[in-house]
């Protein structure tokens, strides 16, 4: 091989080797063991879901406001640490979580969860699963089980509508980001169903999933098939 051939081969081989790209600066993991940099705020509303059922909805969100004796009491029953009806900090879009309570529970049954995530810049929406709450346990198991994932989707749709121009949470969310689901007990089942699990009810396979869900966390989930 001539010197000229050697030089050409070296040039061709070097062209096939990608340039070394400096690694991106590592982002340290968030420490969720302590409250985050925001103050937590909370508000409640009432919506009519796509199934025609009225759903009280609790929302937790980050705020820059400081508590001044206006901490929330959920349904006048449970004192919380969140600031009631404070102005949201929507300088940038926040990640979204939908929370599903347990059978006979309430949308605010785990206030520590919503308040803590809000302090870290998350927005949490939690509907009452009407007919299956502490104050209203009138629905049948089948009716509630099949409706629960849609309750979450309806609460998310409401939050996204309030994210539009002129809404109460304008600019707080990015619809393209989707949402995560967290649920306890019956809400754990709801989490699985919303995230894409195959729901086999009375021998019929039913898809109750929402394609916008990107993660699910189930706390002590109820096993429908074992009920």
Protein backbone atom coordinates (compact mmCIF):
# COMPACT_ATOMS: atom_id res chain seq x y z
CA UNK A 1 0.00 0.00 0.00
CA UNK A 2 1.39 3.34 -1.00
CA UNK A 3 1.61 6.33 1.25
CA UNK A 4 -1.19 7.90 -0.78
CA UNK A 5 -3.46 4.85 -0.23
CA UNK A 6 -2.66 4.85 3.46
CA UNK A 7 -3.58 8.51 3.75
CA UNK A 8 -6.90 7.95 1.88
CA UNK A 9 -7.81 4.94 4.03
CA UNK A 10 -7.13 6.93 7.16
CA UNK A 11 -9.37 9.74 5.89
CA UNK A 12 -12.24 7.32 5.09
CA UNK A 13 -11.99 5.57 8.43
CA UNK A 14 -11.94 8.85 10.32
CA UNK A 15 -15.07 9.94 8.47
CA UNK A 16 -16.89 6.86 9.77
CA UNK A 17 -16.08 7.61 13.41
CA UNK A 18 -18.49 10.10 14.97
CA UNK A 19 -17.05 13.10 16.70
CA UNK A 20 -16.81 12.74 20.42
CA UNK A 21 -19.67 14.71 21.90
CA UNK A 22 -19.05 16.06 25.38
CA UNK A 23 -21.49 14.53 27.86
CA UNK A 24 -24.34 16.72 28.98
CA UNK A 25 -24.06 18.23 32.40
CA UNK A 26 -25.50 15.78 34.87
CA UNK A 27 -28.68 16.90 36.59
CA UNK A 28 -28.74 15.77 40.21
CA UNK A 29 -31.84 13.79 41.19
CA UNK A 30 -34.56 15.67 43.03
CA UNK A 31 -34.61 15.04 46.77
CA UNK A 32 -38.26 14.37 47.55
CA UNK A 33 -37.57 13.62 51.21
CA UNK A 34 -38.02 17.30 52.05
CA UNK A 35 -40.51 19.94 50.88
CA UNK A 36 -39.69 21.55 47.56
CA UNK A 37 -38.99 25.19 46.68
CA UNK A 38 -42.63 26.18 46.16
CA UNK A 39 -45.44 26.61 48.63
CA UNK A 40 -48.37 24.25 48.09
CA UNK A 41 -51.78 25.62 47.23
CA UNK A 42 -55.11 23.87 46.80
CA UNK A 43 -58.56 24.63 45.46
CA UNK A 44 -61.71 22.68 44.77
CA UNK A 45 -64.32 22.78 42.06
CA UNK A 46 -67.17 20.71 40.72
CA UNK A 47 -67.48 19.40 37.18
CA UNK A 48 -69.94 17.29 35.24
CA UNK A 49 -68.01 14.37 33.78
CA UNK A 50 -68.44 12.88 30.33
CA UNK A 51 -70.58 10.15 31.92
CA UNK A 52 -73.04 12.78 33.19
CA UNK A 53 -71.97 12.30 36.82
CA UNK A 54 -71.13 15.35 38.94
CA UNK A 55 -67.57 15.11 40.27
CA UNK A 56 -66.08 17.30 43.00
CA UNK A 57 -62.41 17.82 42.09
CA UNK A 58 -59.47 18.85 44.27
CA UNK A 59 -56.38 20.39 42.72
CA UNK A 60 -52.98 21.00 44.29
CA UNK A 61 -50.47 23.26 42.61
CA UNK A 62 -47.31 25.30 43.28
CA UNK A 63 -47.54 28.92 44.34
CA UNK A 64 -45.18 31.72 45.31
CA UNK A 65 -47.67 33.08 47.83
CA UNK A 66 -46.98 32.75 51.54
CA UNK A 67 -49.52 31.34 53.97
CA UNK A 68 -51.13 34.08 56.01
CA UNK A 69 -53.66 32.21 58.09
CA UNK A 70 -55.48 30.98 55.01
CA UNK A 71 -54.59 27.29 55.07
CA UNK A 72 -57.23 25.02 53.63
CA UNK A 73 -59.65 22.81 55.53
CA UNK A 74 -60.82 20.11 53.16
CA UNK A 75 -64.63 20.03 53.07
CA UNK A 76 -64.53 21.66 56.52
CA UNK A 77 -63.43 18.27 57.88
CA UNK A 78 -59.65 17.96 57.59
CA UNK A 79 -57.10 20.70 58.12
CA UNK A 80 -54.34 20.86 55.54
CA UNK A 81 -51.08 22.68 55.04
CA UNK A 82 -51.84 24.03 51.56
CA UNK A 83 -52.79 27.65 50.99
CA UNK A 84 -56.41 27.87 49.92
CA UNK A 85 -57.10 29.39 46.49
CA UNK A 86 -53.65 30.98 46.17
CA UNK A 87 -52.47 32.24 42.79
CA UNK A 88 -50.66 29.48 40.86
CA UNK A 89 -47.08 29.91 39.71
CA UNK A 90 -47.40 29.34 35.99
CA UNK A 91 -44.09 30.83 34.85
CA UNK A 92 -43.45 27.43 33.25
CA UNK A 93 -45.45 24.27 32.58
CA UNK A 94 -45.62 21.70 35.39
CA UNK A 95 -46.00 17.90 35.27
CA UNK A 96 -49.49 16.57 35.99
CA UNK A 97 -50.68 13.71 38.22
CA UNK A 98 -54.22 12.36 38.59
CA UNK A 99 -54.97 10.77 41.99
CA UNK A 100 -57.65 8.11 42.60
CA UNK A 101 -58.91 7.53 46.13
CA UNK A 102 -59.83 4.19 47.66
CA UNK A 103 -63.32 2.73 48.02
CA UNK A 104 -65.20 4.80 50.57
CA UNK A 105 -62.43 7.40 50.49
CA UNK A 106 -62.33 11.01 49.36
CA UNK A 107 -60.44 13.04 46.78
CA UNK A 108 -58.45 14.67 49.60
CA UNK A 109 -57.87 11.46 51.59
CA UNK A 110 -54.07 11.77 51.16
CA UNK A 111 -53.40 15.52 51.46
CA UNK A 112 -49.75 14.94 52.34
CA UNK A 113 -49.28 13.54 48.83
CA UNK A 114 -50.83 16.40 46.89
CA UNK A 115 -49.31 19.06 49.09
CA UNK A 116 -45.82 17.58 48.95
CA UNK A 117 -45.82 17.12 45.17
CA UNK A 118 -47.14 20.66 44.71
CA UNK A 119 -44.18 21.97 46.71
CA UNK A 120 -41.94 20.28 44.14
CA UNK A 121 -43.68 21.88 41.20
CA UNK A 122 -46.25 19.23 40.31
CA UNK A 123 -49.94 19.72 39.72
CA UNK A 124 -52.24 17.06 41.17
CA UNK A 125 -55.92 16.65 40.29
CA UNK A 126 -58.15 14.29 42.28
CA UNK A 127 -61.84 13.72 41.61
CA UNK A 128 -64.30 12.22 44.06
CA UNK A 129 -65.50 8.97 42.54
CA UNK A 130 -69.12 9.92 43.15
CA UNK A 131 -71.12 7.02 44.55
CA UNK A 132 -68.01 5.48 46.14
CA UNK A 133 -66.91 8.04 48.73
CA UNK A 134 -66.95 8.42 52.50
CA UNK A 135 -70.03 10.62 52.22
CA UNK A 136 -71.75 8.83 49.32
CA UNK A 137 -71.41 5.07 48.87
CA UNK A 138 -74.44 4.44 46.67
CA UNK A 139 -72.95 3.08 43.44
CA UNK A 140 -72.57 -0.56 42.49
CA UNK A 141 -69.07 -2.04 42.29
CA UNK A 142 -69.40 -2.73 38.56
CA UNK A 143 -70.67 0.76 37.79
CA UNK A 144 -67.90 2.42 39.81
CA UNK A 145 -65.13 0.12 38.53
CA UNK A 146 -65.99 0.80 34.91
CA UNK A 147 -66.39 4.56 35.46
CA UNK A 148 -63.40 5.33 37.67
CA UNK A 149 -60.73 5.69 34.94
CA UNK A 150 -63.03 8.05 33.04
CA UNK A 151 -63.46 10.16 36.19
CA UNK A 152 -59.68 10.69 36.15
CA UNK A 153 -59.67 11.52 32.45
CA UNK A 154 -62.50 14.00 32.98
CA UNK A 155 -60.62 15.69 35.82
CA UNK A 156 -57.54 15.94 33.59
CA UNK A 157 -59.64 17.38 30.76
CA UNK A 158 -60.97 20.01 33.14
CA UNK A 159 -57.44 20.93 34.26
CA UNK A 160 -56.33 21.24 30.64
CA UNK A 161 -59.32 23.44 29.83
CA UNK A 162 -58.28 25.74 32.68
CA UNK A 163 -54.78 25.77 31.19
CA UNK A 164 -56.09 27.59 28.11
CA UNK A 165 -55.91 31.35 27.70
CA UNK A 166 -58.00 33.03 30.37
CA UNK A 167 -58.24 29.89 32.51
CA UNK A 168 -57.48 29.73 36.20
CA UNK A 169 -54.26 27.80 35.51
CA UNK A 170 -53.27 29.38 32.21
CA UNK A 171 -49.84 28.20 31.09
CA UNK A 172 -49.42 25.77 34.00
CA UNK A 173 -49.54 22.62 31.87
CA UNK A 174 -48.33 21.29 28.55
CA UNK A 175 -51.08 19.08 27.05
CA UNK A 176 -48.47 17.16 25.06
CA UNK A 177 -46.83 15.94 28.30
CA UNK A 178 -49.72 13.66 29.28
CA UNK A 179 -50.13 12.69 32.92
CA UNK A 180 -49.21 10.12 35.54
CA UNK A 181 -51.74 8.25 37.69
CA UNK A 182 -51.46 7.36 41.37
CA UNK A 183 -54.13 5.51 43.32
CA UNK A 184 -54.81 3.74 46.60
CA UNK A 185 -56.65 0.38 46.93
CA UNK A 186 -59.64 0.68 44.55
CA UNK A 187 -57.67 3.63 43.19
CA UNK A 188 -54.78 1.23 42.59
CA UNK A 189 -57.04 -0.80 40.32
CA UNK A 190 -58.05 2.50 38.68
CA UNK A 191 -54.39 3.27 38.13
CA UNK A 192 -53.78 -0.04 36.36
CA UNK A 193 -56.91 0.33 34.24
CA UNK A 194 -56.11 3.89 33.19
CA UNK A 195 -52.51 2.92 32.37
CA UNK A 196 -53.56 0.12 30.03
CA UNK A 197 -54.18 -3.06 32.04
CA UNK A 198 -56.67 -5.49 30.54
CA UNK A 199 -59.85 -5.29 32.61
CA UNK A 200 -61.78 -8.56 32.47
CA UNK A 201 -65.19 -7.89 33.93
CA UNK A 202 -67.76 -10.71 33.90
CA UNK A 203 -65.80 -12.48 31.20
CA UNK A 204 -65.64 -9.42 28.94
CA UNK A 205 -62.37 -7.65 28.21
CA UNK A 206 -62.76 -3.89 28.46
CA UNK A 207 -60.22 -1.22 27.55
CA UNK A 208 -60.48 1.66 30.01
CA UNK A 209 -57.06 3.12 29.29
CA UNK A 210 -56.09 6.67 28.41
CA UNK A 211 -53.23 6.96 25.91
CA UNK A 212 -52.09 10.14 27.65
CA UNK A 213 -51.01 8.21 30.76
CA UNK A 214 -47.23 7.77 30.85
CA UNK A 215 -46.78 6.26 34.32
CA UNK A 216 -48.81 4.64 37.07
CA UNK A 217 -48.16 4.04 40.78
CA UNK A 218 -50.57 1.80 42.69
CA UNK A 219 -50.71 1.84 46.49
CA UNK A 220 -51.96 -1.52 47.88
CA UNK A 221 -54.09 -2.04 44.75
CA UNK A 222 -57.40 -3.89 44.86
CA UNK A 223 -57.42 -7.08 42.80
CA UNK A 224 -60.66 -7.06 40.82
CA UNK A 225 -60.36 -10.69 39.78
CA UNK A 226 -59.82 -11.72 43.38
CA UNK A 227 -62.85 -9.89 44.69
